[in-house]
Amino acid sequence: MSEQKRIKVSGKDLVDKVRQLVSRGDVRRVCLRDEQGSIMEVPLNTGDPASPATMLKAPVLAAIKAFSTLVNECTIDIEKVSDSQEEPHRVQPS
């Protein structure tokens, strides 16, 4: 189960806010929207614990930064892992 949240930020604060969300580690997906609709969807949880840190390197952050220069205000749709969601049970090899 996941929790969804929507926040509005100014264009100049967009990159910093996305970095902050990724560093929290509980965000699955980020969708950037302007007045006309969805512009960019970035999946963050691909099963590898290190993937959020490596995925949002230069190319994706450059795209987000370019988008942020074109808008005054942006909406970020955030899909988070619910606190009540448990990790799947993994069987240890014997």
C-alpha atoms as a PDB file:
ATOM      1  CA  MET A   1       0.000   0.000   0.000  1.00  0.00           C
ATOM      2  CA  SER A   2       1.274   3.468  -0.763  1.00  0.00           C
ATOM      3  CA  GLU A   3       0.468   6.970   0.354  1.00  0.00           C
ATOM      4  CA  GLN A   4       0.118   9.831  -2.105  1.00  0.00           C
ATOM      5  CA  LYS A   5       0.764  13.479  -1.431  1.00  0.00           C
ATOM      6  CA  ARG A   6       0.703  16.610  -3.575  1.00  0.00           C
ATOM      7  CA  ILE A   7       2.765  19.711  -2.872  1.00  0.00           C
ATOM      8  CA  LYS A   8       3.321  22.968  -4.733  1.00  0.00           C
ATOM      9  CA  VAL A   9       6.739  24.560  -4.990  1.00  0.00           C
ATOM     10  CA  SER A  10       8.216  27.459  -6.884  1.00  0.00           C
ATOM     11  CA  GLY A  11      10.349  26.723  -9.907  1.00  0.00           C
ATOM     12  CA  LYS A  12      13.502  27.912  -8.168  1.00  0.00           C
ATOM     13  CA  ASP A  13      12.961  25.475  -5.259  1.00  0.00           C
ATOM     14  CA  LEU A  14      12.056  22.449  -7.377  1.00  0.00           C
ATOM     15  CA  VAL A  15      15.465  20.759  -7.638  1.00  0.00           C
ATOM     16  CA  ASP A  16      16.203  21.174  -3.926  1.00  0.00           C
ATOM     17  CA  LYS A  17      12.785  19.776  -2.985  1.00  0.00           C
ATOM     18  CA  VAL A  18      13.227  16.717  -5.233  1.00  0.00           C
ATOM     19  CA  ARG A  19      16.679  16.084  -3.729  1.00  0.00           C
ATOM     20  CA  GLN A  20      15.184  16.371  -0.242  1.00  0.00           C
ATOM     21  CA  LEU A  21      12.411  13.881  -1.092  1.00  0.00           C
ATOM     22  CA  VAL A  22      14.869  11.381  -2.545  1.00  0.00           C
ATOM     23  CA  SER A  23      17.187  11.600   0.452  1.00  0.00           C
ATOM     24  CA  ARG A  24      14.331  10.605   2.773  1.00  0.00           C
ATOM     25  CA  GLY A  25      14.307   7.145   1.187  1.00  0.00           C
ATOM     26  CA  ASP A  26      10.574   6.456   1.544  1.00  0.00           C
ATOM     27  CA  VAL A  27       9.489   7.930  -1.803  1.00  0.00           C
ATOM     28  CA  ARG A  28       8.626   5.507  -4.612  1.00  0.00           C
ATOM     29  CA  ARG A  29       7.744   7.899  -7.411  1.00  0.00           C
ATOM     30  CA  VAL A  30       7.800  11.610  -8.118  1.00  0.00           C
ATOM     31  CA  CYS A  31       5.612  13.194 -10.806  1.00  0.00           C
ATOM     32  CA  LEU A  32       6.211  16.798 -11.862  1.00  0.00           C
ATOM     33  CA  ARG A  33       3.198  18.716 -13.159  1.00  0.00           C
ATOM     34  CA  ASP A  34       2.454  22.178 -14.418  1.00  0.00           C
ATOM     35  CA  GLU A  35      -0.891  23.775 -15.309  1.00  0.00           C
ATOM     36  CA  GLN A  36      -1.259  21.656 -18.464  1.00  0.00           C
ATOM     37  CA  GLY A  37      -0.580  18.275 -16.858  1.00  0.00           C
ATOM     38  CA  SER A  38       2.147  15.753 -16.161  1.00  0.00           C
ATOM     39  CA  ILE A  39       5.583  16.680 -17.456  1.00  0.00           C
ATOM     40  CA  MET A  40       7.911  14.112 -15.932  1.00  0.00           C
ATOM     41  CA  GLU A  41       7.521  10.953 -13.858  1.00  0.00           C
ATOM     42  CA  VAL A  42      10.559   9.620 -12.031  1.00  0.00           C
ATOM     43  CA  PRO A  43      10.384   6.162 -10.413  1.00  0.00           C
ATOM     44  CA  LEU A  44      12.690   5.997  -7.413  1.00  0.00           C
ATOM     45  CA  ASN A  45      12.172   2.556  -5.907  1.00  0.00           C
ATOM     46  CA  THR A  46      13.464  -0.172  -8.198  1.00  0.00           C
ATOM     47  CA  GLY A  47      14.400  -2.724  -5.559  1.00  0.00           C
ATOM     48  CA  ASP A  48      18.019  -1.675  -5.197  1.00  0.00           C
ATOM     49  CA  PRO A  49      18.591   0.346  -2.008  1.00  0.00           C
ATOM     50  CA  ALA A  50      21.276   2.429  -3.695  1.00  0.00           C
ATOM     51  CA  SER A  51      19.193   3.234  -6.786  1.00  0.00           C
ATOM     52  CA  PRO A  52      17.676   6.559  -5.625  1.00  0.00           C
ATOM     53  CA  ALA A  53      21.119   7.929  -4.973  1.00  0.00           C
ATOM     54  CA  THR A  54      22.498   6.773  -8.315  1.00  0.00           C
ATOM     55  CA  MET A  55      19.413   7.360 -10.449  1.00  0.00           C
ATOM     56  CA  LEU A  56      19.121  11.082  -9.798  1.00  0.00           C
ATOM     57  CA  LYS A  57      22.550  11.970 -11.009  1.00  0.00           C
ATOM     58  CA  ALA A  58      23.361  14.388 -13.805  1.00  0.00           C
ATOM     59  CA  PRO A  59      20.855  13.507 -16.586  1.00  0.00           C
ATOM     60  CA  VAL A  60      17.679  13.430 -14.505  1.00  0.00           C
ATOM     61  CA  LEU A  61      18.641  16.375 -12.311  1.00  0.00           C
ATOM     62  CA  ALA A  62      19.584  18.354 -15.422  1.00  0.00           C
ATOM     63  CA  ALA A  63      16.142  17.668 -16.902  1.00  0.00           C
ATOM     64  CA  ILE A  64      14.423  18.703 -13.655  1.00  0.00           C
ATOM     65  CA  LYS A  65      16.554  21.846 -13.487  1.00  0.00           C
ATOM     66  CA  ALA A  66      15.710  22.729 -17.102  1.00  0.00           C
ATOM     67  CA  PHE A  67      12.013  22.229 -16.367  1.00  0.00           C
ATOM     68  CA  SER A  68      12.277  24.388 -13.243  1.00  0.00           C
ATOM     69  CA  THR A  69      13.583  27.338 -15.268  1.00  0.00           C
ATOM     70  CA  LEU A  70      10.465  27.270 -17.451  1.00  0.00           C
ATOM     71  CA  VAL A  71       7.808  27.350 -14.717  1.00  0.00           C
ATOM     72  CA  ASN A  72       6.968  29.763 -11.937  1.00  0.00           C
ATOM     73  CA  GLU A  73       5.148  27.151  -9.896  1.00  0.00           C
ATOM     74  CA  CYS A  74       5.144  23.387 -10.084  1.00  0.00           C
ATOM     75  CA  THR A  75       3.132  20.619  -8.450  1.00  0.00           C
ATOM     76  CA  ILE A  76       4.951  17.526  -7.228  1.00  0.00           C
ATOM     77  CA  ASP A  77       2.904  14.363  -6.837  1.00  0.00           C
ATOM     78  CA  ILE A  78       4.671  12.069  -4.396  1.00  0.00           C
ATOM     79  CA  GLU A  79       4.004   8.372  -3.956  1.00  0.00           C
ATOM     80  CA  LYS A  80       5.468   7.202  -0.659  1.00  0.00           C
ATOM     81  CA  VAL A  81       5.847   3.795   0.917  1.00  0.00           C
ATOM     82  CA  SER A  82       3.244   3.557   3.656  1.00  0.00           C
ATOM     83  CA  ASP A  83       4.551   3.219   7.216  1.00  0.00           C
ATOM     84  CA  SER A  84       2.254   0.247   7.763  1.00  0.00           C
ATOM     85  CA  GLN A  85       3.685  -1.612   4.795  1.00  0.00           C
ATOM     86  CA  GLU A  86       5.985  -4.406   5.846  1.00  0.00           C
ATOM     87  CA  GLU A  87       8.970  -5.665   3.969  1.00  0.00           C
ATOM     88  CA  PRO A  88       8.362  -8.993   2.236  1.00  0.00           C
ATOM     89  CA  HIS A  89       9.697 -11.949   4.195  1.00  0.00           C
ATOM     90  CA  ARG A  90      12.874 -13.272   2.601  1.00  0.00           C
ATOM     91  CA  VAL A  91      14.027 -16.817   3.106  1.00  0.00           C
ATOM     92  CA  GLN A  92      17.699 -17.156   3.946  1.00  0.00           C
ATOM     93  CA  PRO A  93      19.521 -19.783   1.862  1.00  0.00           C
ATOM     94  CA  SER A  94      20.739 -22.733   3.887  1.00  0.00           C
END
